[in-house]
Protein backbone atom coordinates (compact mmCIF):
# COMPACT_ATOMS: atom_id res chain seq x y z
CA MET A 1 4.33 -17.67 9.68
CA ALA A 2 5.61 -20.01 12.38
CA SER A 3 4.55 -23.13 10.49
CA VAL A 4 6.53 -22.13 7.41
CA SER A 5 10.33 -22.39 7.38
CA GLU A 6 12.46 -19.34 6.70
CA TYR A 7 13.77 -21.02 3.59
CA GLU A 8 10.23 -21.44 2.25
CA ILE A 9 9.50 -17.77 2.94
CA LYS A 10 12.68 -16.82 1.10
CA LYS A 11 11.49 -18.89 -1.87
CA GLN A 12 8.14 -17.11 -1.73
CA ILE A 13 9.88 -13.72 -1.75
CA CYS A 14 11.84 -14.78 -4.83
CA ASP A 15 8.64 -15.93 -6.53
CA ILE A 16 6.90 -12.62 -5.85
CA GLY A 17 10.03 -10.82 -7.07
CA LYS A 18 9.77 -12.68 -10.38
CA ARG A 19 6.08 -11.81 -10.67
CA ILE A 20 6.77 -8.12 -10.07
CA TYR A 21 9.62 -8.12 -12.58
CA ASN A 22 7.76 -10.12 -15.23
CA ARG A 23 4.73 -7.84 -14.98
CA GLY A 24 6.93 -4.82 -15.67
CA MET A 25 6.34 -3.33 -12.23
CA VAL A 26 10.09 -2.77 -11.81
CA ALA A 27 13.04 -2.24 -14.11
CA ALA A 28 16.64 -3.36 -13.60
CA ASN A 29 17.30 -3.54 -9.84
CA ASP A 30 14.29 -1.49 -8.69
CA GLY A 31 11.82 -2.39 -5.97
CA ASN A 32 12.04 -4.25 -2.68
CA ILE A 33 10.10 -6.79 -0.63
CA SER A 34 10.13 -7.70 3.04
CA VAL A 35 8.41 -10.18 5.36
CA LYS A 36 8.05 -10.05 9.14
CA LEU A 37 9.10 -13.23 10.94
CA ASN A 38 8.52 -11.86 14.43
CA ASP A 39 8.88 -8.53 16.23
CA HIS A 40 12.68 -8.68 15.99
CA GLU A 41 13.41 -10.52 12.73
CA PHE A 42 12.57 -9.60 9.16
CA LEU A 43 13.55 -11.01 5.77
CA CYS A 44 14.17 -8.56 2.93
CA THR A 45 15.45 -8.38 -0.61
CA PRO A 46 19.01 -7.12 -1.16
CA THR A 47 20.05 -3.87 -2.77
CA GLY A 48 21.53 -3.77 -6.26
CA VAL A 49 19.89 -6.99 -7.45
CA SER A 50 17.14 -7.56 -10.02
CA LYS A 51 14.02 -8.83 -8.29
CA GLY A 52 13.39 -11.10 -11.26
CA PHE A 53 16.56 -13.14 -10.82
CA MET A 54 16.78 -13.82 -7.09
CA THR A 55 17.31 -17.16 -5.37
CA PRO A 56 16.83 -17.81 -1.61
CA GLU A 57 20.48 -17.20 -0.73
CA TYR A 58 20.08 -13.59 -1.90
CA ILE A 59 17.61 -12.78 0.88
CA CYS A 60 18.88 -10.91 3.96
CA LYS A 61 17.68 -10.98 7.56
CA VAL A 62 17.52 -7.76 9.60
CA ASP A 63 16.27 -6.65 13.01
CA GLU A 64 13.58 -4.06 13.74
CA LYS A 65 16.11 -1.26 13.29
CA GLY A 66 17.14 -2.53 9.88
CA LYS A 67 20.51 -3.79 11.08
CA VAL A 68 21.83 -6.97 9.48
CA ILE A 69 21.37 -10.22 11.39
CA GLN A 70 22.40 -12.46 8.51
CA ALA A 71 23.39 -11.85 4.89
CA ASN A 72 25.51 -13.91 2.55
CA PRO A 73 28.74 -12.38 1.18
CA GLY A 74 28.06 -9.79 -1.50
CA PHE A 75 24.52 -9.05 -0.34
CA ARG A 76 23.20 -6.30 1.89
CA PRO A 77 19.63 -5.19 2.73
CA SER A 78 17.62 -2.91 0.48
CA SER A 79 18.50 0.76 0.83
CA GLU A 80 14.77 1.37 1.42
CA ILE A 81 14.63 -0.83 4.53
CA LYS A 82 13.87 2.26 6.67
CA MET A 83 10.57 2.67 4.85
CA HIS A 84 9.65 -0.95 5.49
CA MET A 85 10.56 -0.76 9.16
CA ARG A 86 8.41 2.33 9.64
CA VAL A 87 5.42 0.44 8.25
CA TYR A 88 5.98 -2.48 10.62
CA ASP A 89 6.46 -0.13 13.56
CA LYS A 90 3.24 1.80 12.97
CA ARG A 91 1.12 -1.12 11.74
CA PRO A 92 1.51 -4.20 13.99
CA ASP A 93 -1.05 -6.02 11.83
CA VAL A 94 1.25 -5.89 8.79
CA ASN A 95 3.44 -8.91 8.01
CA SER A 96 4.73 -7.95 4.57
CA VAL A 97 5.65 -4.82 2.60
CA VAL A 98 6.06 -4.47 -1.18
CA HIS A 99 7.56 -1.48 -2.97
CA ALA A 100 7.56 -1.27 -6.76
CA HIS A 101 7.37 1.17 -9.69
CA PRO A 102 4.31 -0.02 -11.65
CA MET A 103 3.98 2.01 -14.85
CA TYR A 104 0.51 3.51 -14.54
CA ALA A 105 0.41 3.97 -10.77
CA THR A 106 3.84 5.59 -10.81
CA SER A 107 2.73 7.85 -13.66
CA PHE A 108 -0.09 9.14 -11.43
CA ALA A 109 2.43 9.61 -8.62
CA ILE A 110 4.70 11.60 -10.94
CA ALA A 111 1.77 13.70 -12.16
CA GLY A 112 0.71 14.35 -8.57
CA ILE A 113 -2.72 12.78 -9.04
CA PRO A 114 -3.99 10.54 -6.20
CA LEU A 115 -6.17 7.56 -7.10
CA THR A 116 -9.47 8.77 -5.70
CA GLN A 117 -12.13 8.30 -8.36
CA PRO A 118 -14.67 5.53 -7.62
CA ILE A 119 -14.81 3.68 -10.92
CA MET A 120 -14.99 -0.04 -10.13
CA PRO A 121 -16.37 -2.04 -7.17
CA GLU A 122 -13.19 -3.98 -6.46
CA ALA A 123 -11.11 -0.82 -6.09
CA VAL A 124 -13.61 0.86 -3.77
CA ILE A 125 -14.01 -2.22 -1.58
CA ALA A 126 -10.39 -3.40 -1.44
CA LEU A 127 -8.41 -0.17 -1.69
CA GLY A 128 -10.51 2.86 -0.96
CA CYS A 129 -8.55 5.82 -2.26
CA VAL A 130 -4.78 5.71 -2.68
CA PRO A 131 -3.16 8.98 -1.53
CA ILE A 132 0.22 10.38 -2.52
CA ALA A 133 2.92 10.71 0.13
CA GLU A 134 5.10 13.76 -0.43
CA TYR A 135 8.46 13.28 -2.13
CA GLY A 136 11.40 12.08 -0.09
CA CYS A 137 14.97 11.32 -1.03
CA PRO A 138 15.44 7.53 -1.42
CA SER A 139 17.26 5.68 1.39
CA THR A 140 16.78 8.58 3.84
CA ASP A 141 14.27 9.12 6.64
CA GLU A 142 12.35 11.53 4.43
CA ILE A 143 10.26 8.81 2.78
CA PRO A 144 9.35 7.00 6.04
CA ASP A 145 8.49 10.35 7.65
CA ASN A 146 6.26 11.37 4.74
CA VAL A 147 4.58 7.97 4.50
CA GLU A 148 3.91 7.63 8.22
CA LYS A 149 0.86 9.89 8.38
CA TYR A 150 -0.99 7.68 5.88
CA LEU A 151 -0.17 4.31 7.42
CA GLN A 152 -3.02 4.22 9.93
CA TYR A 153 -5.67 4.84 7.30
CA PHE A 154 -4.54 3.20 4.05
CA ASP A 155 -3.05 -0.10 2.87
CA ALA A 156 -1.62 1.40 -0.32
CA VAL A 157 0.21 4.68 -0.88
CA LEU A 158 1.70 6.32 -3.95
CA LEU A 159 5.15 7.86 -3.45
CA GLU A 160 5.47 11.20 -5.19
CA ASN A 161 7.81 10.97 -8.22
CA HIS A 162 8.87 7.52 -7.05
CA GLY A 163 6.47 4.57 -7.10
CA ALA A 164 3.97 2.71 -4.95
CA LEU A 165 3.94 1.03 -1.55
CA THR A 166 1.55 -1.70 -0.41
CA TYR A 167 1.43 -3.73 2.80
CA SER A 168 -0.80 -6.38 4.35
CA ASP A 169 -1.00 -9.35 6.71
CA SER A 170 0.76 -11.69 4.28
CA LEU A 171 3.26 -11.51 1.43
CA LEU A 172 0.70 -12.64 -1.13
CA ALA A 173 -1.88 -10.11 0.08
CA ALA A 174 0.66 -7.27 -0.04
CA TYR A 175 1.61 -8.24 -3.59
CA MET A 176 -2.03 -8.54 -4.66
CA LYS A 177 -2.64 -5.01 -3.41
CA MET A 178 0.18 -3.82 -5.67
CA GLU A 179 -1.50 -5.56 -8.60
CA SER A 180 -4.82 -3.95 -7.66
CA VAL A 181 -3.30 -0.47 -7.43
CA GLU A 182 -1.72 -0.81 -10.86
CA PHE A 183 -4.88 -2.25 -12.45
CA TYR A 184 -6.95 0.56 -10.95
CA ALA A 185 -4.48 3.18 -12.20
CA GLN A 186 -4.41 1.72 -15.71
CA LEU A 187 -8.20 1.63 -15.95
CA LEU A 188 -8.44 5.21 -14.68
CA TYR A 189 -5.83 6.40 -17.16
CA GLN A 190 -7.46 4.70 -20.11
CA ALA A 191 -10.92 5.89 -19.10
CA ARG A 192 -9.58 9.44 -19.04
CA VAL A 193 -8.20 8.98 -22.54
CA LEU A 194 -11.69 7.94 -23.66
CA GLY A 195 -13.20 11.12 -22.31
CA GLY A 196 -13.38 10.54 -18.58
CA PRO A 197 -14.73 7.77 -16.35
CA LYS A 198 -18.30 7.51 -15.19
CA GLU A 199 -18.02 7.55 -11.41
CA PHE A 200 -20.25 5.81 -8.89
CA THR A 201 -22.77 7.99 -7.08
CA PRO A 202 -22.20 8.68 -3.37
CA GLU A 203 -25.01 6.22 -2.63
CA GLN A 204 -23.36 3.51 -4.69
CA VAL A 205 -20.04 4.15 -2.95
CA GLU A 206 -21.70 3.79 0.43
CA GLN A 207 -23.27 0.49 -0.65
CA LEU A 208 -19.81 -0.79 -1.53
CA TYR A 209 -18.46 0.35 1.85
CA GLU A 210 -21.26 -1.57 3.54
CA ILE A 211 -20.27 -4.68 1.61
CA ARG A 212 -16.73 -4.24 2.90
CA ARG A 213 -17.99 -3.93 6.47
CA LYS A 214 -20.11 -7.07 6.11
CA PHE A 215 -17.13 -8.98 4.75
CA GLY A 216 -15.12 -7.93 7.80
CA MET A 217 -12.12 -7.37 5.55
CA LYS A 218 -8.72 -7.01 7.20
CA GLY A 219 -6.52 -3.96 7.01
CA LYS A 220 -7.30 -0.26 7.05
CA HIS A 221 -9.66 1.64 4.81
CA PRO A 222 -10.63 5.31 4.55
CA ALA A 223 -14.38 4.63 4.55
CA ASN A 224 -15.00 5.97 8.03
CA VAL A 225 -12.06 8.27 8.72
CA CYS A 226 -11.68 10.74 5.85
CA VAL A 227 -12.08 14.36 6.92
CA ASN A 228 -14.55 14.76 4.03
CA ALA A 229 -16.91 12.40 5.83
CA LYS A 230 -17.54 14.80 8.72
CA ASP A 231 -21.01 15.57 7.40
CA GLY A 232 -21.82 11.96 6.63
CA LYS A 233 -20.55 12.26 3.05
CA PRO A 234 -18.62 9.47 1.31
CA SER A 235 -14.93 9.37 2.09
CA CYS A 236 -12.01 10.42 -0.07
CA HIS A 237 -13.13 8.24 -2.96
CA GLY A 238 -15.73 10.86 -3.79
CA CYS A 239 -13.64 13.97 -3.14
CA GLY A 240 -11.87 13.94 -6.50
CA GLY A 241 -8.58 14.55 -4.75
CA SER A 242 -9.77 17.87 -3.33
CA CYS A 243 -8.59 16.82 0.09
CA GLY A 244 -5.05 16.79 -1.28
CA GLY A 245 -4.52 13.19 -0.29
CA SER A 246 -4.51 14.19 3.37
CA CYS A 247 -7.50 12.08 4.29
CA GLY A 248 -7.39 10.50 7.65
CA GLY A 249 -7.31 12.86 10.57
CA ASP A 250 -5.80 11.49 13.75
CA GLU A 251 -8.42 11.93 16.42
CA ALA A 252 -10.22 8.90 17.79
CA LYS A 253 -13.19 11.07 18.69
CA MET A 254 -13.60 12.21 15.09
CA ILE A 255 -13.36 8.63 13.83
CA ALA A 256 -16.02 7.46 16.26
CA GLU A 257 -18.29 10.35 15.30
CA ILE A 258 -17.98 9.66 11.58
CA THR A 259 -18.56 5.95 12.07
CA LYS A 260 -21.71 6.73 14.06
CA LYS A 261 -23.05 9.02 11.31
CA VAL A 262 -22.39 6.46 8.59
CA MET A 263 -24.14 3.72 10.57
CA GLU A 264 -27.10 6.04 11.23
CA GLN A 265 -27.39 6.61 7.49
CA LEU A 266 -27.50 2.88 6.99
CA GLY A 267 -30.31 2.63 9.55
CA LYS A 268 -28.27 0.51 11.94
């Protein structure tokens, strides 16, 4: 980020805001975007403004506690800045956070259905499953508190009755994950309308996980940490949501054990 000026990053945020708005991922003034400049400075979209009509002077700068460092008259940081700050606090590898209300993904969040069915290679490799964080009142600590338990294991989370949250090591990557979540949700919805998707077998899922490992892809992924994998089974992608979206566990010992079993299965 150091080689890019703050003004250029602000322009990039505005461009991503237009993409989100034009794709129908937000309505009116919904959604918010942030970018980490360093451990103490963050740029974020303002509250009460359409993300499709922003210009660089709209963008606010806050510190790690969400307090305003700089904002032009008439603008103040997104009311959801607490959620963004919690992501940055718990995931030092993250440099950007995107929150939106994409139609299909949000419909799954409203219906209480996590995105867990393995139906296309790109979704399995790039996203793993997408759990649902329990409902929290917007602009309070409830959402950050409910999202926190998923942050170490997933790069995309549905927000119950609210929307979707994605985060990555760059603004473009965080936005692309939002696109991927929505595309995955739309395909899953339409496949269900046609009578139900044909899922990958556990063996096929494991092959896709191995591809991900070989690629050395950045970010987190549930492939080796889902509680369903204790017996060497595929992770949450194959559980059909039966784990209630609570995949992850928090014990390093368990993670190491599961990783060992998976690698043994692969003959490594």
